[in-house]
Amino acid sequence: MGTSTLIAYYSMSGHTRELANEIRSAVDADIEEIREPHARHGLSGVARALMDAVIRRTPPILSADHDPAQYDLVLLGGPVWAGRMAAPVRSYAKRYASQAPHVAFFCTEGSRGADSAFADLERLCMHPPRATLTIDEKHRAPAAHRAELGHFAAQMSHGGE
């Protein structure tokens, strides 16, 4: 790829983790899971996730293992909750992503919200994404989003052209 790339993602159900690993297979990148001090489990975890998303909260996250400032490009991703980016991703963006010279965004969603989530991340990162990738529930299987993933990976290797 010619640049150093970091994939930073949050996943509660595992869907975004699967997508992050697919992206990692498509581009030469290090990977970082965004972690919280208190994991979200069960109905209370879902309720907390939705509330955090609605009020655009930036909850505490654990320190990153990789320094985003050491990378040319940070691919930042997570699930869309209640039409907004998952709160731990917002926390990571606010704390770290502005340090990277370039960013790109990816998300998993039920059916809507990616545009709003990406606009919020762009504001937090303080620069526009090189590319974006949205995988909805209907296209969650790798075969269903192969072309979109290939296009996203190509944008990473060509500087967004």
N, C-alpha and C. Protein backbone atom coordinates (compact mmCIF):
# COMPACT_ATOMS: atom_id res chain seq x y z
N MET A 1 0.81 -1.20 0.00
CA MET A 1 0.00 0.00 0.00
C MET A 1 0.85 1.25 0.00
N GLY A 2 2.04 1.21 0.59
CA GLY A 2 2.94 2.34 0.52
C GLY A 2 2.79 3.34 1.66
N THR A 3 1.77 3.23 2.48
CA THR A 3 1.59 4.10 3.63
C THR A 3 1.33 3.24 4.85
N SER A 4 1.50 3.84 5.99
CA SER A 4 1.18 3.10 7.21
C SER A 4 -0.28 3.38 7.58
N THR A 5 -1.02 2.32 7.81
CA THR A 5 -2.45 2.42 8.05
C THR A 5 -2.81 1.71 9.34
N LEU A 6 -3.73 2.34 10.09
CA LEU A 6 -4.28 1.75 11.30
C LEU A 6 -5.79 1.65 11.15
N ILE A 7 -6.33 0.50 11.47
CA ILE A 7 -7.78 0.31 11.54
C ILE A 7 -8.14 0.34 13.02
N ALA A 8 -8.97 1.31 13.41
CA ALA A 8 -9.45 1.40 14.78
C ALA A 8 -10.97 1.21 14.73
N TYR A 9 -11.47 0.24 15.50
CA TYR A 9 -12.89 -0.06 15.41
C TYR A 9 -13.46 -0.42 16.78
N TYR A 10 -14.78 -0.28 16.88
CA TYR A 10 -15.51 -0.73 18.05
C TYR A 10 -16.60 -1.69 17.56
N SER A 11 -16.81 -2.76 18.31
CA SER A 11 -17.85 -3.72 17.96
C SER A 11 -18.48 -4.27 19.23
N MET A 12 -19.80 -4.19 19.32
CA MET A 12 -20.49 -4.75 20.47
C MET A 12 -21.00 -6.16 20.14
N SER A 13 -21.53 -6.35 18.94
CA SER A 13 -22.12 -7.64 18.58
C SER A 13 -21.16 -8.54 17.81
N GLY A 14 -20.09 -7.97 17.27
CA GLY A 14 -19.14 -8.74 16.48
C GLY A 14 -19.21 -8.45 14.99
N HIS A 15 -20.28 -7.82 14.51
CA HIS A 15 -20.41 -7.54 13.08
C HIS A 15 -19.33 -6.58 12.58
N THR A 16 -19.10 -5.51 13.32
CA THR A 16 -18.07 -4.55 12.90
C THR A 16 -16.68 -5.16 13.03
N ARG A 17 -16.46 -6.02 14.02
CA ARG A 17 -15.17 -6.71 14.15
C ARG A 17 -14.90 -7.55 12.90
N GLU A 18 -15.91 -8.26 12.43
CA GLU A 18 -15.76 -9.06 11.21
C GLU A 18 -15.41 -8.17 10.02
N LEU A 19 -16.10 -7.04 9.89
CA LEU A 19 -15.81 -6.13 8.79
C LEU A 19 -14.41 -5.55 8.91
N ALA A 20 -14.00 -5.16 10.11
CA ALA A 20 -12.65 -4.62 10.31
C ALA A 20 -11.59 -5.64 9.90
N ASN A 21 -11.80 -6.90 10.22
CA ASN A 21 -10.85 -7.94 9.83
C ASN A 21 -10.86 -8.18 8.32
N GLU A 22 -12.01 -8.04 7.68
CA GLU A 22 -12.07 -8.12 6.22
C GLU A 22 -11.27 -6.98 5.59
N ILE A 23 -11.44 -5.78 6.14
CA ILE A 23 -10.69 -4.63 5.63
C ILE A 23 -9.20 -4.87 5.82
N ARG A 24 -8.83 -5.39 6.99
CA ARG A 24 -7.42 -5.67 7.26
C ARG A 24 -6.84 -6.65 6.24
N SER A 25 -7.64 -7.62 5.82
CA SER A 25 -7.19 -8.58 4.80
C SER A 25 -7.04 -7.91 3.44
N ALA A 26 -7.80 -6.84 3.20
CA ALA A 26 -7.76 -6.16 1.91
C ALA A 26 -6.68 -5.08 1.81
N VAL A 27 -6.27 -4.54 2.96
CA VAL A 27 -5.22 -3.51 2.97
C VAL A 27 -4.17 -3.91 4.00
N ASP A 28 -2.98 -3.43 3.82
CA ASP A 28 -1.90 -3.70 4.77
C ASP A 28 -2.05 -2.73 5.93
N ALA A 29 -2.53 -3.23 7.08
CA ALA A 29 -2.82 -2.33 8.19
C ALA A 29 -2.64 -3.01 9.53
N ASP A 30 -2.32 -2.20 10.53
CA ASP A 30 -2.40 -2.63 11.92
C ASP A 30 -3.87 -2.49 12.33
N ILE A 31 -4.23 -3.15 13.42
CA ILE A 31 -5.63 -3.09 13.85
C ILE A 31 -5.70 -2.85 15.35
N GLU A 32 -6.68 -2.06 15.75
CA GLU A 32 -6.86 -1.66 17.15
C GLU A 32 -8.35 -1.75 17.48
N GLU A 33 -8.70 -2.55 18.47
CA GLU A 33 -10.08 -2.58 18.92
C GLU A 33 -10.27 -1.50 19.99
N ILE A 34 -11.26 -0.67 19.80
CA ILE A 34 -11.60 0.36 20.78
C ILE A 34 -12.33 -0.35 21.91
N ARG A 35 -11.78 -0.22 23.12
CA ARG A 35 -12.32 -0.95 24.27
C ARG A 35 -12.80 0.01 25.35
N GLU A 36 -13.83 -0.42 26.04
CA GLU A 36 -14.38 0.36 27.15
C GLU A 36 -14.01 -0.29 28.48
N PRO A 37 -13.92 0.48 29.55
CA PRO A 37 -13.64 -0.12 30.86
C PRO A 37 -14.75 -1.06 31.32
N HIS A 38 -15.98 -0.79 30.90
CA HIS A 38 -17.12 -1.62 31.28
C HIS A 38 -17.86 -2.02 30.01
N ALA A 39 -17.71 -3.28 29.61
CA ALA A 39 -18.33 -3.77 28.37
C ALA A 39 -19.85 -3.67 28.46
N ARG A 40 -20.47 -3.54 27.32
CA ARG A 40 -21.93 -3.46 27.22
C ARG A 40 -22.46 -4.86 26.93
N HIS A 41 -23.26 -5.38 27.86
CA HIS A 41 -23.83 -6.72 27.69
C HIS A 41 -25.32 -6.69 27.97
N GLY A 42 -26.06 -7.54 27.30
CA GLY A 42 -27.48 -7.72 27.58
C GLY A 42 -28.32 -6.48 27.29
N LEU A 43 -29.53 -6.50 27.82
CA LEU A 43 -30.47 -5.40 27.59
C LEU A 43 -29.98 -4.09 28.18
N SER A 44 -29.34 -4.14 29.34
CA SER A 44 -28.84 -2.89 29.93
C SER A 44 -27.73 -2.30 29.06
N GLY A 45 -26.92 -3.15 28.45
CA GLY A 45 -25.87 -2.66 27.55
C GLY A 45 -26.45 -2.02 26.30
N VAL A 46 -27.49 -2.63 25.75
CA VAL A 46 -28.16 -2.06 24.58
C VAL A 46 -28.81 -0.73 24.94
N ALA A 47 -29.48 -0.67 26.08
CA ALA A 47 -30.11 0.58 26.52
C ALA A 47 -29.07 1.68 26.71
N ARG A 48 -27.94 1.34 27.33
CA ARG A 48 -26.87 2.32 27.53
C ARG A 48 -26.31 2.78 26.19
N ALA A 49 -26.16 1.83 25.24
CA ALA A 49 -25.64 2.16 23.91
C ALA A 49 -26.57 3.15 23.21
N LEU A 50 -27.86 2.88 23.25
CA LEU A 50 -28.81 3.76 22.59
C LEU A 50 -28.85 5.14 23.23
N MET A 51 -28.84 5.20 24.55
CA MET A 51 -28.85 6.49 25.25
C MET A 51 -27.59 7.29 24.93
N ASP A 52 -26.44 6.62 24.98
CA ASP A 52 -25.18 7.31 24.67
C ASP A 52 -25.19 7.86 23.25
N ALA A 53 -25.75 7.10 22.32
CA ALA A 53 -25.81 7.55 20.93
C ALA A 53 -26.73 8.75 20.78
N VAL A 54 -27.90 8.66 21.36
CA VAL A 54 -28.89 9.74 21.23
C VAL A 54 -28.36 11.06 21.78
N ILE A 55 -27.70 11.01 22.93
CA ILE A 55 -27.20 12.26 23.54
C ILE A 55 -25.78 12.61 23.09
N ARG A 56 -25.24 11.80 22.15
CA ARG A 56 -23.89 12.01 21.60
C ARG A 56 -22.83 12.06 22.71
N ARG A 57 -22.96 11.15 23.64
CA ARG A 57 -22.01 11.06 24.74
C ARG A 57 -20.68 10.49 24.25
N THR A 58 -19.61 10.89 24.87
CA THR A 58 -18.29 10.32 24.60
C THR A 58 -17.84 9.62 25.88
N PRO A 59 -18.18 8.34 26.02
CA PRO A 59 -17.87 7.60 27.24
C PRO A 59 -16.38 7.31 27.37
N PRO A 60 -15.93 6.95 28.55
CA PRO A 60 -14.52 6.60 28.72
C PRO A 60 -14.17 5.36 27.88
N ILE A 61 -12.98 5.38 27.33
CA ILE A 61 -12.44 4.22 26.63
C ILE A 61 -11.05 3.94 27.19
N LEU A 62 -10.59 2.72 27.02
CA LEU A 62 -9.25 2.37 27.46
C LEU A 62 -8.22 2.98 26.52
N SER A 63 -7.02 3.21 27.02
CA SER A 63 -5.96 3.79 26.20
C SER A 63 -5.66 2.90 25.00
N ALA A 64 -5.35 3.55 23.90
CA ALA A 64 -5.04 2.83 22.66
C ALA A 64 -3.66 2.17 22.77
N ASP A 65 -3.53 1.02 22.14
CA ASP A 65 -2.23 0.34 22.07
C ASP A 65 -1.36 0.93 20.97
N HIS A 66 -1.99 1.45 19.91
CA HIS A 66 -1.27 2.05 18.78
C HIS A 66 -1.48 3.56 18.81
N ASP A 67 -0.44 4.31 18.50
CA ASP A 67 -0.51 5.76 18.46
C ASP A 67 -0.93 6.21 17.06
N PRO A 68 -2.14 6.75 16.90
CA PRO A 68 -2.61 7.16 15.58
C PRO A 68 -1.71 8.20 14.91
N ALA A 69 -0.98 8.97 15.70
CA ALA A 69 -0.09 9.99 15.13
C ALA A 69 1.08 9.36 14.36
N GLN A 70 1.33 8.07 14.59
CA GLN A 70 2.42 7.38 13.91
C GLN A 70 1.99 6.79 12.56
N TYR A 71 0.74 7.00 12.17
CA TYR A 71 0.20 6.43 10.93
C TYR A 71 -0.18 7.53 9.95
N ASP A 72 -0.07 7.22 8.67
CA ASP A 72 -0.50 8.15 7.64
C ASP A 72 -2.02 8.19 7.50
N LEU A 73 -2.65 7.06 7.81
CA LEU A 73 -4.08 6.92 7.60
C LEU A 73 -4.70 6.10 8.73
N VAL A 74 -5.80 6.60 9.30
CA VAL A 74 -6.55 5.85 10.30
C VAL A 74 -7.94 5.58 9.73
N LEU A 75 -8.29 4.29 9.64
CA LEU A 75 -9.62 3.86 9.24
C LEU A 75 -10.40 3.65 10.52
N LEU A 76 -11.43 4.43 10.70
CA LEU A 76 -12.18 4.44 11.95
C LEU A 76 -13.58 3.91 11.70
N GLY A 77 -13.99 2.89 12.50
CA GLY A 77 -15.29 2.31 12.24
C GLY A 77 -16.01 1.78 13.45
N GLY A 78 -17.31 1.62 13.28
CA GLY A 78 -18.14 1.06 14.33
C GLY A 78 -19.58 0.92 13.86
N PRO A 79 -20.42 0.45 14.74
CA PRO A 79 -21.83 0.32 14.39
C PRO A 79 -22.56 1.66 14.51
N VAL A 80 -23.66 1.78 13.78
CA VAL A 80 -24.54 2.93 13.91
C VAL A 80 -25.65 2.54 14.88
N TRP A 81 -25.81 3.35 15.92
CA TRP A 81 -26.84 3.14 16.93
C TRP A 81 -27.79 4.32 16.90
N ALA A 82 -29.06 4.07 16.75
CA ALA A 82 -30.09 5.13 16.76
C ALA A 82 -29.73 6.27 15.81
N GLY A 83 -29.21 5.91 14.63
CA GLY A 83 -28.87 6.91 13.63
C GLY A 83 -27.60 7.68 13.91
N ARG A 84 -26.80 7.23 14.86
CA ARG A 84 -25.56 7.91 15.22
C ARG A 84 -24.42 6.90 15.36
N MET A 85 -23.19 7.36 15.21
CA MET A 85 -22.04 6.48 15.39
C MET A 85 -21.97 6.02 16.84
N ALA A 86 -21.58 4.78 17.05
CA ALA A 86 -21.44 4.23 18.40
C ALA A 86 -20.58 5.16 19.26
N ALA A 87 -21.03 5.38 20.47
CA ALA A 87 -20.38 6.33 21.37
C ALA A 87 -18.88 6.06 21.59
N PRO A 88 -18.43 4.81 21.76
CA PRO A 88 -16.99 4.60 21.94
C PRO A 88 -16.15 5.05 20.73
N VAL A 89 -16.72 4.97 19.53
CA VAL A 89 -16.01 5.45 18.33
C VAL A 89 -15.90 6.96 18.39
N ARG A 90 -16.96 7.61 18.83
CA ARG A 90 -16.92 9.07 19.00
C ARG A 90 -15.83 9.46 20.00
N SER A 91 -15.73 8.70 21.09
CA SER A 91 -14.70 8.97 22.10
C SER A 91 -13.30 8.84 21.49
N TYR A 92 -13.09 7.79 20.71
CA TYR A 92 -11.79 7.57 20.07
C TYR A 92 -11.49 8.71 19.10
N ALA A 93 -12.48 9.08 18.29
CA ALA A 93 -12.28 10.16 17.33
C ALA A 93 -11.90 11.46 18.04
N LYS A 94 -12.60 11.75 19.09
CA LYS A 94 -12.34 12.99 19.84
C LYS A 94 -10.95 12.97 20.47
N ARG A 95 -10.54 11.82 20.98
CA ARG A 95 -9.28 11.72 21.71
C ARG A 95 -8.07 11.55 20.79
N TYR A 96 -8.22 10.79 19.70
CA TYR A 96 -7.05 10.39 18.92
C TYR A 96 -7.04 10.76 17.44
N ALA A 97 -8.17 10.68 16.77
CA ALA A 97 -8.16 10.67 15.30
C ALA A 97 -7.68 11.97 14.67
N SER A 98 -7.80 13.09 15.34
CA SER A 98 -7.32 14.33 14.74
C SER A 98 -5.79 14.32 14.61
N GLN A 99 -5.13 13.40 15.28
CA GLN A 99 -3.67 13.30 15.20
C GLN A 99 -3.19 12.68 13.88
N ALA A 100 -4.07 11.96 13.21
CA ALA A 100 -3.70 11.30 11.95
C ALA A 100 -3.86 12.28 10.79
N PRO A 101 -2.93 12.27 9.84
CA PRO A 101 -3.06 13.20 8.71
C PRO A 101 -4.25 12.89 7.81
N HIS A 102 -4.65 11.61 7.73
CA HIS A 102 -5.78 11.22 6.88
C HIS A 102 -6.64 10.20 7.62
N VAL A 103 -7.94 10.26 7.36
CA VAL A 103 -8.87 9.32 7.95
C VAL A 103 -9.80 8.77 6.87
N ALA A 104 -10.38 7.63 7.17
CA ALA A 104 -11.47 7.06 6.38
C ALA A 104 -12.42 6.42 7.39
N PHE A 105 -13.69 6.30 7.02
CA PHE A 105 -14.68 5.80 7.95
C PHE A 105 -15.39 4.59 7.38
N PHE A 106 -15.78 3.67 8.27
CA PHE A 106 -16.62 2.54 7.87
C PHE A 106 -17.59 2.25 9.00
N CYS A 107 -18.73 1.66 8.63
CA CYS A 107 -19.72 1.34 9.65
C CYS A 107 -20.58 0.16 9.22
N THR A 108 -21.19 -0.43 10.23
CA THR A 108 -22.26 -1.40 10.02
C THR A 108 -23.53 -0.75 10.56
N GLU A 109 -24.64 -1.02 9.90
CA GLU A 109 -25.89 -0.41 10.32
C GLU A 109 -27.05 -1.33 10.00
N GLY A 110 -28.16 -1.11 10.69
CA GLY A 110 -29.37 -1.85 10.37
C GLY A 110 -29.91 -1.43 9.03
N SER A 111 -30.19 -0.13 8.90
CA SER A 111 -30.74 0.35 7.63
C SER A 111 -30.48 1.82 7.35
N ARG A 112 -30.11 2.60 8.37
CA ARG A 112 -29.92 4.04 8.13
C ARG A 112 -28.99 4.64 9.18
N GLY A 113 -28.52 5.85 8.89
CA GLY A 113 -27.76 6.60 9.87
C GLY A 113 -26.31 6.84 9.53
N ALA A 114 -25.78 6.17 8.52
CA ALA A 114 -24.36 6.29 8.21
C ALA A 114 -23.96 7.72 7.86
N ASP A 115 -24.75 8.41 7.05
CA ASP A 115 -24.38 9.77 6.64
C ASP A 115 -24.24 10.70 7.84
N SER A 116 -25.18 10.62 8.77
CA SER A 116 -25.12 11.44 9.98
C SER A 116 -23.93 11.03 10.85
N ALA A 117 -23.70 9.72 10.96
CA ALA A 117 -22.57 9.22 11.76
C ALA A 117 -21.25 9.70 11.19
N PHE A 118 -21.11 9.63 9.87
CA PHE A 118 -19.86 10.05 9.23
C PHE A 118 -19.66 11.56 9.35
N ALA A 119 -20.72 12.34 9.26
CA ALA A 119 -20.61 13.80 9.42
C ALA A 119 -20.13 14.14 10.83
N ASP A 120 -20.65 13.43 11.82
CA ASP A 120 -20.23 13.64 13.20
C ASP A 120 -18.76 13.28 13.37
N LEU A 121 -18.33 12.16 12.80
CA LEU A 121 -16.92 11.76 12.89
C LEU A 121 -16.01 12.78 12.20
N GLU A 122 -16.45 13.28 11.06
CA GLU A 122 -15.64 14.27 10.35
C GLU A 122 -15.40 15.50 11.23
N ARG A 123 -16.45 15.94 11.92
CA ARG A 123 -16.32 17.09 12.82
C ARG A 123 -15.35 16.78 13.95
N LEU A 124 -15.46 15.60 14.54
CA LEU A 124 -14.59 15.22 15.65
C LEU A 124 -13.14 15.02 15.21
N CYS A 125 -12.94 14.50 14.00
CA CYS A 125 -11.58 14.25 13.49
C CYS A 125 -10.93 15.51 12.94
N MET A 126 -11.74 16.51 12.66
CA MET A 126 -11.28 17.80 12.16
C MET A 126 -10.73 17.76 10.74
N HIS A 127 -11.06 16.72 9.97
CA HIS A 127 -10.80 16.71 8.54
C HIS A 127 -11.67 15.65 7.87
N PRO A 128 -11.93 15.85 6.57
CA PRO A 128 -12.84 14.95 5.86
C PRO A 128 -12.22 13.57 5.64
N PRO A 129 -13.07 12.56 5.51
CA PRO A 129 -12.55 11.22 5.26
C PRO A 129 -12.07 11.06 3.82
N ARG A 130 -11.06 10.25 3.66
CA ARG A 130 -10.57 9.91 2.32
C ARG A 130 -11.62 9.06 1.60
N ALA A 131 -12.33 8.23 2.35
CA ALA A 131 -13.36 7.36 1.78
C ALA A 131 -14.27 6.91 2.91
N THR A 132 -15.44 6.39 2.54
CA THR A 132 -16.36 5.82 3.51
C THR A 132 -16.89 4.49 2.98
N LEU A 133 -17.27 3.63 3.91
CA LEU A 133 -17.85 2.33 3.58
C LEU A 133 -18.98 2.05 4.56
N THR A 134 -20.16 1.77 4.02
CA THR A 134 -21.32 1.44 4.84
C THR A 134 -21.82 0.06 4.45
N ILE A 135 -21.93 -0.81 5.44
CA ILE A 135 -22.47 -2.14 5.21
C ILE A 135 -23.74 -2.27 6.05
N ASP A 136 -24.87 -2.43 5.36
CA ASP A 136 -26.13 -2.57 6.08
C ASP A 136 -26.43 -4.05 6.33
N GLU A 137 -27.48 -4.28 7.07
CA GLU A 137 -27.82 -5.65 7.48
C GLU A 137 -28.04 -6.58 6.29
N LYS A 138 -28.63 -6.08 5.21
CA LYS A 138 -28.90 -6.91 4.03
C LYS A 138 -27.61 -7.35 3.33
N HIS A 139 -26.54 -6.60 3.52
CA HIS A 139 -25.28 -6.86 2.81
C HIS A 139 -24.15 -7.28 3.76
N ARG A 140 -24.52 -7.82 4.93
CA ARG A 140 -23.53 -8.15 5.95
C ARG A 140 -22.62 -9.30 5.53
N ALA A 141 -23.13 -10.27 4.79
CA ALA A 141 -22.31 -11.41 4.35
C ALA A 141 -21.20 -10.91 3.42
N PRO A 142 -19.97 -11.42 3.59
CA PRO A 142 -18.85 -10.94 2.76
C PRO A 142 -19.13 -10.96 1.26
N ALA A 143 -19.78 -11.97 0.76
CA ALA A 143 -20.07 -12.03 -0.67
C ALA A 143 -20.99 -10.90 -1.11
N ALA A 144 -21.83 -10.42 -0.22
CA ALA A 144 -22.79 -9.37 -0.55
C ALA A 144 -22.17 -7.98 -0.60
N HIS A 145 -20.98 -7.81 -0.02
CA HIS A 145 -20.34 -6.49 -0.05
C HIS A 145 -18.92 -6.52 -0.61
N ARG A 146 -18.59 -7.56 -1.31
CA ARG A 146 -17.23 -7.71 -1.87
C ARG A 146 -16.83 -6.52 -2.75
N ALA A 147 -17.73 -6.11 -3.66
CA ALA A 147 -17.41 -5.00 -4.57
C ALA A 147 -17.19 -3.69 -3.82
N GLU A 148 -18.07 -3.41 -2.85
CA GLU A 148 -17.93 -2.17 -2.07
C GLU A 148 -16.63 -2.17 -1.27
N LEU A 149 -16.30 -3.31 -0.69
CA LEU A 149 -15.06 -3.42 0.07
C LEU A 149 -13.86 -3.23 -0.84
N GLY A 150 -13.90 -3.82 -2.03
CA GLY A 150 -12.81 -3.65 -2.99
C GLY A 150 -12.62 -2.20 -3.40
N HIS A 151 -13.73 -1.50 -3.61
CA HIS A 151 -13.66 -0.08 -3.96
C HIS A 151 -13.07 0.74 -2.81
N PHE A 152 -13.51 0.46 -1.60
CA PHE A 152 -13.00 1.15 -0.42
C PHE A 152 -11.49 0.93 -0.28
N ALA A 153 -11.04 -0.32 -0.42
CA ALA A 153 -9.61 -0.65 -0.32
C ALA A 153 -8.82 0.05 -1.42
N ALA A 154 -9.38 0.14 -2.61
CA ALA A 154 -8.69 0.83 -3.72
C ALA A 154 -8.52 2.31 -3.40
N GLN A 155 -9.52 2.91 -2.78
CA GLN A 155 -9.41 4.32 -2.41
C GLN A 155 -8.30 4.54 -1.39
N MET A 156 -8.08 3.56 -0.51
CA MET A 156 -7.00 3.68 0.48
C MET A 156 -5.64 3.65 -0.22
N SER A 157 -5.49 2.79 -1.19
CA SER A 157 -4.18 2.64 -1.83
C SER A 157 -3.90 3.75 -2.86
N HIS A 158 -4.95 4.44 -3.31
CA HIS A 158 -4.75 5.50 -4.30
C HIS A 158 -4.97 6.90 -3.74
N GLY A 159 -5.00 7.01 -2.43
CA GLY A 159 -5.13 8.32 -1.82
C GLY A 159 -6.49 8.96 -2.02
N GLY A 160 -7.53 8.15 -2.21
CA GLY A 160 -8.87 8.70 -2.32
C GLY A 160 -9.23 9.21 -3.68
N GLU A 161 -8.40 8.95 -4.67
CA GLU A 161 -8.68 9.45 -6.03
C GLU A 161 -9.77 8.66 -6.71
